[in-house]
């Protein structure tokens, strides 16, 4: 478990460096963790708080209000992602099925994810450089998103 209380599979964690980062070896990749989260986390959490206030039919097409449990799970995931070196700020929004939508759109790739009340993440990753890397799946392992988000830094 990491500091946000998330299950995150690692093979090994190397001691922290004097700069406040830790190397984290995953099954298929290595990432570095900041001691303190990126500043974008504050804005993302404020956006999550606003999502929790949306009423039913917030989109005028019958959308369900965002489930508070989905907001809490998304906040936990974002707290972890904000500590991974190189993860850019996400777009934060509501999905019509009571989920939290998280989006990253860079020049050569995009990642769209939604988080439901149980913590299940549904995602679509598109790589404009090589479409053989495109993926669509569901997971509760935030490490799968880290693998996409940290690889382009």
N, C-alpha and C. Protein backbone atom coordinates (compact mmCIF):
# COMPACT_ATOMS: atom_id res chain seq x y z
N UNK A 1 0.84 -1.18 0.00
CA UNK A 1 0.00 0.00 0.00
C UNK A 1 0.88 1.24 0.00
N UNK A 2 0.44 2.24 -0.77
CA UNK A 2 1.17 3.50 -0.76
C UNK A 2 0.53 4.45 0.23
N UNK A 3 1.03 5.67 0.27
CA UNK A 3 0.55 6.63 1.27
C UNK A 3 -0.90 7.02 1.07
N UNK A 4 -1.45 6.85 -0.13
CA UNK A 4 -2.85 7.17 -0.36
C UNK A 4 -3.76 5.98 -0.04
N UNK A 5 -3.17 4.87 0.44
CA UNK A 5 -3.94 3.70 0.79
C UNK A 5 -4.31 2.85 -0.41
N UNK A 6 -3.57 2.99 -1.52
CA UNK A 6 -3.90 2.26 -2.73
C UNK A 6 -3.03 1.03 -2.87
N UNK A 7 -3.62 -0.02 -3.37
CA UNK A 7 -2.83 -1.20 -3.72
C UNK A 7 -2.07 -0.86 -4.99
N UNK A 8 -0.75 -0.96 -4.95
CA UNK A 8 0.08 -0.63 -6.10
C UNK A 8 1.18 -1.67 -6.15
N UNK A 9 1.14 -2.49 -7.17
CA UNK A 9 2.08 -3.59 -7.27
C UNK A 9 3.46 -3.11 -7.66
N UNK A 10 4.44 -3.42 -6.83
CA UNK A 10 5.82 -3.09 -7.14
C UNK A 10 6.67 -4.31 -6.87
N UNK A 11 7.76 -4.42 -7.62
CA UNK A 11 8.71 -5.49 -7.37
C UNK A 11 9.73 -5.05 -6.34
N UNK A 12 10.07 -3.78 -6.35
CA UNK A 12 11.05 -3.26 -5.40
C UNK A 12 10.96 -1.75 -5.37
N UNK A 13 11.28 -1.19 -4.24
CA UNK A 13 11.36 0.26 -4.12
C UNK A 13 12.75 0.58 -3.60
N UNK A 14 13.45 1.47 -4.29
CA UNK A 14 14.80 1.85 -3.92
C UNK A 14 14.72 3.01 -2.94
N UNK A 15 15.67 3.14 -2.06
CA UNK A 15 15.67 4.23 -1.08
C UNK A 15 15.56 5.58 -1.75
N UNK A 16 15.01 6.53 -1.02
CA UNK A 16 14.83 7.89 -1.52
C UNK A 16 16.17 8.55 -1.77
N UNK A 17 16.19 9.42 -2.78
CA UNK A 17 17.38 10.19 -3.08
C UNK A 17 17.36 11.47 -2.25
N UNK A 18 18.49 12.18 -2.19
CA UNK A 18 18.51 13.46 -1.47
C UNK A 18 17.55 14.48 -2.07
N UNK A 19 17.18 14.33 -3.35
CA UNK A 19 16.26 15.28 -3.99
C UNK A 19 14.80 15.00 -3.64
N UNK A 20 14.54 13.95 -2.85
CA UNK A 20 13.18 13.65 -2.44
C UNK A 20 12.41 12.78 -3.41
N UNK A 21 13.11 12.02 -4.25
CA UNK A 21 12.43 11.09 -5.15
C UNK A 21 12.81 9.66 -4.80
N UNK A 22 11.93 8.75 -5.16
CA UNK A 22 12.13 7.33 -4.92
C UNK A 22 11.95 6.61 -6.24
N UNK A 23 12.83 5.66 -6.54
CA UNK A 23 12.64 4.83 -7.74
C UNK A 23 11.74 3.67 -7.38
N UNK A 24 10.79 3.40 -8.24
CA UNK A 24 9.81 2.34 -8.01
C UNK A 24 9.84 1.41 -9.21
N UNK A 25 10.20 0.17 -9.01
CA UNK A 25 10.29 -0.80 -10.10
C UNK A 25 8.99 -1.56 -10.20
N UNK A 26 8.32 -1.41 -11.32
CA UNK A 26 7.09 -2.12 -11.61
C UNK A 26 7.43 -3.39 -12.38
N UNK A 27 6.43 -4.16 -12.64
CA UNK A 27 6.62 -5.40 -13.38
C UNK A 27 7.31 -5.15 -14.72
N UNK A 28 6.86 -4.14 -15.49
CA UNK A 28 7.39 -3.89 -16.82
C UNK A 28 8.07 -2.55 -17.00
N UNK A 29 8.19 -1.75 -15.97
CA UNK A 29 8.75 -0.42 -16.12
C UNK A 29 9.24 0.10 -14.79
N UNK A 30 9.93 1.22 -14.84
CA UNK A 30 10.43 1.89 -13.64
C UNK A 30 9.85 3.29 -13.63
N UNK A 31 9.42 3.76 -12.47
CA UNK A 31 8.98 5.14 -12.36
C UNK A 31 9.62 5.75 -11.12
N UNK A 32 9.61 7.05 -11.04
CA UNK A 32 10.15 7.77 -9.89
C UNK A 32 9.01 8.49 -9.20
N UNK A 33 9.07 8.51 -7.88
CA UNK A 33 8.03 9.16 -7.08
C UNK A 33 8.60 10.37 -6.36
N UNK A 34 7.88 11.50 -6.44
CA UNK A 34 8.23 12.70 -5.68
C UNK A 34 7.86 12.48 -4.22
N UNK A 35 8.58 13.13 -3.35
CA UNK A 35 8.21 13.11 -1.94
C UNK A 35 6.93 13.91 -1.71
N UNK A 36 6.79 15.02 -2.45
CA UNK A 36 5.61 15.88 -2.35
C UNK A 36 4.87 15.85 -3.68
N UNK A 37 3.55 15.91 -3.66
CA UNK A 37 2.77 15.86 -4.91
C UNK A 37 2.97 17.11 -5.76
N UNK A 38 2.71 16.95 -7.05
CA UNK A 38 2.76 18.08 -7.98
C UNK A 38 1.69 19.11 -7.61
N UNK A 39 1.96 20.38 -7.89
CA UNK A 39 0.99 21.44 -7.55
C UNK A 39 -0.37 21.28 -8.22
N UNK A 40 -0.45 20.57 -9.36
CA UNK A 40 -1.74 20.43 -10.04
C UNK A 40 -2.76 19.66 -9.20
N UNK A 41 -2.30 18.93 -8.18
CA UNK A 41 -3.23 18.14 -7.37
C UNK A 41 -4.27 19.03 -6.69
N UNK A 42 -3.86 20.19 -6.22
CA UNK A 42 -4.79 21.10 -5.53
C UNK A 42 -5.95 21.48 -6.45
N UNK A 43 -5.64 21.89 -7.68
CA UNK A 43 -6.69 22.26 -8.62
C UNK A 43 -7.59 21.07 -8.96
N UNK A 44 -6.98 19.91 -9.15
CA UNK A 44 -7.76 18.71 -9.47
C UNK A 44 -8.72 18.37 -8.33
N UNK A 45 -8.27 18.51 -7.10
CA UNK A 45 -9.14 18.21 -5.95
C UNK A 45 -10.28 19.23 -5.84
N UNK A 46 -9.99 20.47 -6.16
CA UNK A 46 -11.07 21.48 -6.17
C UNK A 46 -12.11 21.14 -7.24
N UNK A 47 -11.65 20.67 -8.39
CA UNK A 47 -12.58 20.27 -9.44
C UNK A 47 -13.41 19.07 -9.00
N UNK A 48 -12.79 18.14 -8.30
CA UNK A 48 -13.54 16.98 -7.79
C UNK A 48 -14.62 17.41 -6.81
N UNK A 49 -14.30 18.38 -5.95
CA UNK A 49 -15.30 18.88 -5.00
C UNK A 49 -16.50 19.46 -5.73
N UNK A 50 -16.26 20.14 -6.83
CA UNK A 50 -17.36 20.71 -7.62
C UNK A 50 -18.20 19.62 -8.26
N UNK A 51 -17.57 18.54 -8.68
CA UNK A 51 -18.32 17.42 -9.28
C UNK A 51 -19.31 16.84 -8.28
N UNK A 52 -18.89 16.77 -7.03
CA UNK A 52 -19.74 16.18 -5.99
C UNK A 52 -21.01 17.01 -5.77
N UNK A 53 -21.02 18.24 -6.22
CA UNK A 53 -22.18 19.12 -6.05
C UNK A 53 -23.16 19.09 -7.21
N UNK A 54 -22.80 18.40 -8.29
CA UNK A 54 -23.67 18.38 -9.46
C UNK A 54 -25.00 17.66 -9.15
N UNK A 55 -26.11 18.24 -9.57
CA UNK A 55 -27.40 17.59 -9.34
C UNK A 55 -27.69 16.55 -10.42
N UNK A 56 -28.74 15.80 -10.22
CA UNK A 56 -29.21 14.89 -11.28
C UNK A 56 -29.55 15.73 -12.51
N UNK A 57 -29.36 15.15 -13.68
CA UNK A 57 -29.63 15.82 -14.96
C UNK A 57 -28.71 17.02 -15.19
N UNK A 58 -27.51 16.99 -14.65
CA UNK A 58 -26.56 18.10 -14.78
C UNK A 58 -26.21 18.40 -16.24
N UNK A 59 -26.37 17.44 -17.11
CA UNK A 59 -26.05 17.65 -18.53
C UNK A 59 -27.28 17.91 -19.39
N UNK A 60 -28.46 17.99 -18.77
CA UNK A 60 -29.77 18.16 -19.40
C UNK A 60 -30.16 16.99 -20.30
N UNK A 61 -29.44 15.87 -20.17
CA UNK A 61 -29.77 14.65 -20.91
C UNK A 61 -30.03 13.48 -19.96
N UNK A 62 -30.32 13.79 -18.70
CA UNK A 62 -30.66 12.74 -17.75
C UNK A 62 -29.49 12.12 -17.01
N UNK A 63 -28.34 12.77 -17.00
CA UNK A 63 -27.16 12.22 -16.32
C UNK A 63 -27.40 12.08 -14.82
N UNK A 64 -26.87 11.01 -14.27
CA UNK A 64 -26.92 10.79 -12.82
C UNK A 64 -25.92 11.73 -12.14
N UNK A 65 -26.19 12.13 -10.90
CA UNK A 65 -25.19 12.91 -10.18
C UNK A 65 -23.95 12.06 -9.97
N UNK A 66 -22.80 12.70 -9.87
CA UNK A 66 -21.55 11.97 -9.65
C UNK A 66 -21.59 11.34 -8.27
N UNK A 67 -21.31 10.05 -8.21
CA UNK A 67 -21.32 9.31 -6.95
C UNK A 67 -20.16 9.79 -6.07
N UNK A 68 -20.45 10.14 -4.82
CA UNK A 68 -19.41 10.62 -3.90
C UNK A 68 -18.30 9.60 -3.70
N UNK A 69 -18.64 8.32 -3.77
CA UNK A 69 -17.61 7.27 -3.63
C UNK A 69 -16.66 7.30 -4.83
N UNK A 70 -17.18 7.61 -6.01
CA UNK A 70 -16.32 7.74 -7.19
C UNK A 70 -15.39 8.94 -7.04
N UNK A 71 -15.91 10.03 -6.48
CA UNK A 71 -15.09 11.21 -6.23
C UNK A 71 -13.96 10.87 -5.27
N UNK A 72 -14.25 10.15 -4.20
CA UNK A 72 -13.22 9.77 -3.22
C UNK A 72 -12.17 8.85 -3.84
N UNK A 73 -12.61 7.89 -4.62
CA UNK A 73 -11.65 6.98 -5.28
C UNK A 73 -10.77 7.76 -6.26
N UNK A 74 -11.38 8.65 -7.05
CA UNK A 74 -10.61 9.45 -7.99
C UNK A 74 -9.60 10.32 -7.26
N UNK A 75 -9.99 10.88 -6.12
CA UNK A 75 -9.07 11.70 -5.33
C UNK A 75 -7.88 10.87 -4.85
N UNK A 76 -8.13 9.64 -4.43
CA UNK A 76 -7.03 8.76 -4.01
C UNK A 76 -6.09 8.47 -5.18
N UNK A 77 -6.65 8.15 -6.32
CA UNK A 77 -5.82 7.87 -7.49
C UNK A 77 -5.00 9.10 -7.89
N UNK A 78 -5.64 10.25 -7.90
CA UNK A 78 -4.94 11.48 -8.29
C UNK A 78 -3.84 11.83 -7.29
N UNK A 79 -4.08 11.59 -6.00
CA UNK A 79 -3.05 11.85 -4.99
C UNK A 79 -1.81 11.01 -5.27
N UNK A 80 -2.00 9.80 -5.71
CA UNK A 80 -0.86 8.95 -6.06
C UNK A 80 -0.21 9.46 -7.36
N UNK A 81 -1.01 9.69 -8.39
CA UNK A 81 -0.48 10.11 -9.68
C UNK A 81 0.30 11.42 -9.57
N UNK A 82 -0.12 12.31 -8.67
CA UNK A 82 0.56 13.59 -8.49
C UNK A 82 1.95 13.42 -7.90
N UNK A 83 2.26 12.25 -7.37
CA UNK A 83 3.59 11.98 -6.82
C UNK A 83 4.49 11.26 -7.82
N UNK A 84 3.95 10.82 -8.94
CA UNK A 84 4.75 10.13 -9.94
C UNK A 84 5.42 11.17 -10.83
N UNK A 85 6.74 11.10 -10.91
CA UNK A 85 7.51 12.04 -11.72
C UNK A 85 7.06 11.95 -13.17
N UNK A 86 6.73 13.10 -13.74
CA UNK A 86 6.38 13.18 -15.15
C UNK A 86 4.92 13.06 -15.49
N UNK A 87 4.06 12.77 -14.53
CA UNK A 87 2.63 12.66 -14.84
C UNK A 87 2.06 14.07 -14.95
N UNK A 88 1.52 14.41 -16.12
CA UNK A 88 0.96 15.75 -16.29
C UNK A 88 -0.41 15.89 -15.62
N UNK A 89 -0.83 17.12 -15.47
CA UNK A 89 -2.14 17.39 -14.86
C UNK A 89 -3.25 16.82 -15.74
N UNK A 90 -4.24 16.20 -15.12
CA UNK A 90 -5.36 15.67 -15.90
C UNK A 90 -6.46 16.71 -16.06
N UNK A 91 -7.32 16.47 -17.04
CA UNK A 91 -8.60 17.16 -17.09
C UNK A 91 -9.53 16.37 -16.18
N UNK A 92 -10.33 17.05 -15.40
CA UNK A 92 -11.24 16.39 -14.45
C UNK A 92 -12.66 16.79 -14.81
N UNK A 93 -13.54 15.80 -14.94
CA UNK A 93 -14.91 16.09 -15.28
C UNK A 93 -15.85 14.99 -14.81
N UNK A 94 -17.09 15.16 -15.15
CA UNK A 94 -18.13 14.19 -14.78
C UNK A 94 -18.47 13.35 -15.99
N UNK A 95 -18.81 12.11 -15.73
CA UNK A 95 -19.32 11.21 -16.76
C UNK A 95 -20.80 10.99 -16.46
N UNK A 96 -21.64 10.84 -17.47
CA UNK A 96 -23.09 10.77 -17.25
C UNK A 96 -23.56 9.56 -16.46
N UNK A 97 -22.70 8.59 -16.23
CA UNK A 97 -23.10 7.39 -15.49
C UNK A 97 -22.62 7.42 -14.04
N UNK A 98 -22.54 8.61 -13.43
CA UNK A 98 -22.20 8.84 -12.03
C UNK A 98 -20.72 8.62 -11.74
N UNK A 99 -19.89 8.61 -12.77
CA UNK A 99 -18.45 8.39 -12.61
C UNK A 99 -17.68 9.69 -12.77
N UNK A 100 -16.41 9.64 -12.36
CA UNK A 100 -15.48 10.76 -12.55
C UNK A 100 -14.67 10.47 -13.81
N UNK A 101 -14.58 11.46 -14.68
CA UNK A 101 -13.80 11.33 -15.91
C UNK A 101 -12.45 12.04 -15.72
N UNK A 102 -11.38 11.35 -16.10
CA UNK A 102 -10.03 11.92 -16.06
C UNK A 102 -9.45 11.82 -17.46
N UNK A 103 -8.87 12.90 -17.96
CA UNK A 103 -8.34 12.89 -19.32
C UNK A 103 -6.94 13.52 -19.36
N UNK A 104 -6.12 12.95 -20.19
CA UNK A 104 -4.80 13.49 -20.50
C UNK A 104 -4.70 13.50 -22.01
N UNK A 105 -4.33 14.63 -22.57
CA UNK A 105 -4.23 14.75 -24.02
C UNK A 105 -2.94 15.48 -24.36
N UNK A 106 -1.96 14.75 -24.79
CA UNK A 106 -0.68 15.31 -25.19
C UNK A 106 -0.60 15.25 -26.71
N UNK A 107 0.45 15.78 -27.28
CA UNK A 107 0.56 15.86 -28.74
C UNK A 107 0.46 14.49 -29.42
N UNK A 108 1.12 13.50 -28.88
CA UNK A 108 1.20 12.21 -29.57
C UNK A 108 0.36 11.11 -28.93
N UNK A 109 -0.29 11.40 -27.81
CA UNK A 109 -1.08 10.35 -27.16
C UNK A 109 -2.20 10.97 -26.33
N UNK A 110 -3.17 10.13 -26.01
CA UNK A 110 -4.24 10.56 -25.11
C UNK A 110 -4.66 9.37 -24.25
N UNK A 111 -5.12 9.70 -23.06
CA UNK A 111 -5.63 8.69 -22.13
C UNK A 111 -6.92 9.23 -21.54
N UNK A 112 -8.00 8.51 -21.74
CA UNK A 112 -9.30 8.84 -21.16
C UNK A 112 -9.65 7.74 -20.18
N UNK A 113 -9.95 8.14 -18.94
CA UNK A 113 -10.28 7.16 -17.91
C UNK A 113 -11.52 7.62 -17.16
N UNK A 114 -12.27 6.65 -16.65
CA UNK A 114 -13.39 6.98 -15.77
C UNK A 114 -13.28 6.09 -14.54
N UNK A 115 -13.62 6.67 -13.40
CA UNK A 115 -13.52 5.98 -12.12
C UNK A 115 -14.92 5.83 -11.56
N UNK A 116 -15.30 4.59 -11.23
CA UNK A 116 -16.63 4.39 -10.65
C UNK A 116 -16.55 4.29 -9.13
N UNK A 117 -17.70 4.11 -8.49
CA UNK A 117 -17.78 4.10 -7.03
C UNK A 117 -16.98 2.98 -6.39
N UNK A 118 -16.75 1.89 -7.10
CA UNK A 118 -15.99 0.77 -6.54
C UNK A 118 -14.48 0.94 -6.74
N UNK A 119 -14.08 1.97 -7.49
CA UNK A 119 -12.67 2.18 -7.78
C UNK A 119 -12.22 1.57 -9.10
N UNK A 120 -13.16 0.97 -9.83
CA UNK A 120 -12.83 0.40 -11.13
C UNK A 120 -12.52 1.54 -12.10
N UNK A 121 -11.42 1.41 -12.82
CA UNK A 121 -11.01 2.40 -13.81
C UNK A 121 -11.21 1.79 -15.19
N UNK A 122 -12.01 2.47 -16.00
CA UNK A 122 -12.15 2.09 -17.41
C UNK A 122 -11.31 3.08 -18.19
N UNK A 123 -10.48 2.59 -19.10
CA UNK A 123 -9.62 3.52 -19.82
C UNK A 123 -9.44 3.16 -21.28
N UNK A 124 -9.12 4.20 -22.05
CA UNK A 124 -8.77 4.08 -23.45
C UNK A 124 -7.49 4.89 -23.64
N UNK A 125 -6.45 4.23 -24.13
CA UNK A 125 -5.17 4.88 -24.40
C UNK A 125 -4.93 4.82 -25.90
N UNK A 126 -4.64 5.99 -26.50
CA UNK A 126 -4.36 6.07 -27.93
C UNK A 126 -2.98 6.68 -28.13
N UNK A 127 -2.15 5.98 -28.90
CA UNK A 127 -0.78 6.41 -29.17
C UNK A 127 -0.67 6.73 -30.66
N UNK A 128 -0.61 8.03 -30.98
CA UNK A 128 -0.54 8.45 -32.38
C UNK A 128 0.77 8.06 -33.06
N UNK A 129 1.80 7.80 -32.26
CA UNK A 129 3.09 7.41 -32.83
C UNK A 129 3.10 5.96 -33.31
N UNK A 130 2.34 5.13 -32.60
CA UNK A 130 2.32 3.70 -32.94
C UNK A 130 1.01 3.11 -32.42
N UNK A 131 0.05 2.94 -33.30
CA UNK A 131 -1.28 2.46 -32.89
C UNK A 131 -1.27 1.03 -32.37
N UNK A 132 -0.17 0.33 -32.53
CA UNK A 132 -0.07 -1.01 -31.92
C UNK A 132 -0.05 -0.92 -30.41
N UNK A 133 0.24 0.28 -29.87
CA UNK A 133 0.25 0.49 -28.42
C UNK A 133 -1.13 0.88 -27.87
N UNK A 134 -2.11 1.14 -28.73
CA UNK A 134 -3.44 1.52 -28.27
C UNK A 134 -4.01 0.44 -27.36
N UNK A 135 -4.69 0.87 -26.31
CA UNK A 135 -5.27 -0.07 -25.34
C UNK A 135 -6.62 0.43 -24.86
N UNK A 136 -7.47 -0.51 -24.55
CA UNK A 136 -8.76 -0.24 -23.91
C UNK A 136 -8.98 -1.35 -22.91
N UNK A 137 -9.22 -0.99 -21.65
CA UNK A 137 -9.36 -2.03 -20.63
C UNK A 137 -10.02 -1.47 -19.38
N UNK A 138 -10.11 -2.34 -18.38
CA UNK A 138 -10.61 -1.98 -17.05
C UNK A 138 -9.64 -2.52 -16.03
N UNK A 139 -9.45 -1.78 -14.93
CA UNK A 139 -8.50 -2.20 -13.91
C UNK A 139 -8.79 -1.50 -12.59
N UNK A 140 -8.23 -2.01 -11.54
CA UNK A 140 -8.19 -1.32 -10.26
C UNK A 140 -6.73 -1.00 -9.90
N UNK A 141 -5.81 -1.35 -10.78
CA UNK A 141 -4.38 -1.15 -10.57
C UNK A 141 -3.95 0.17 -11.21
N UNK A 142 -3.75 1.20 -10.40
CA UNK A 142 -3.37 2.52 -10.91
C UNK A 142 -2.03 2.46 -11.64
N UNK A 143 -1.25 1.44 -11.35
CA UNK A 143 0.03 1.25 -12.04
C UNK A 143 -0.13 1.10 -13.54
N UNK A 144 -1.26 0.58 -13.99
CA UNK A 144 -1.48 0.47 -15.43
C UNK A 144 -1.57 1.84 -16.08
N UNK A 145 -2.18 2.80 -15.38
CA UNK A 145 -2.23 4.16 -15.92
C UNK A 145 -0.87 4.84 -15.83
N UNK A 146 -0.15 4.59 -14.75
CA UNK A 146 1.18 5.16 -14.60
C UNK A 146 2.06 4.75 -15.77
N UNK A 147 1.92 3.53 -16.18
CA UNK A 147 2.73 3.02 -17.28
C UNK A 147 2.52 3.87 -18.54
N UNK A 148 1.31 4.29 -18.81
CA UNK A 148 1.03 5.15 -19.96
C UNK A 148 1.48 6.58 -19.72
N UNK A 149 1.15 7.11 -18.54
CA UNK A 149 1.35 8.53 -18.25
C UNK A 149 2.81 8.92 -18.07
N UNK A 150 3.62 8.04 -17.55
CA UNK A 150 5.01 8.39 -17.25
C UNK A 150 5.97 8.06 -18.40
N UNK A 151 5.51 7.39 -19.42
CA UNK A 151 6.43 6.95 -20.46
C UNK A 151 6.84 8.06 -21.45
N UNK A 152 6.11 9.16 -21.50
CA UNK A 152 6.42 10.19 -22.49
C UNK A 152 7.19 11.36 -21.91
N UNK A 153 7.67 11.23 -20.68
CA UNK A 153 8.39 12.36 -20.06
C UNK A 153 9.82 12.41 -20.52
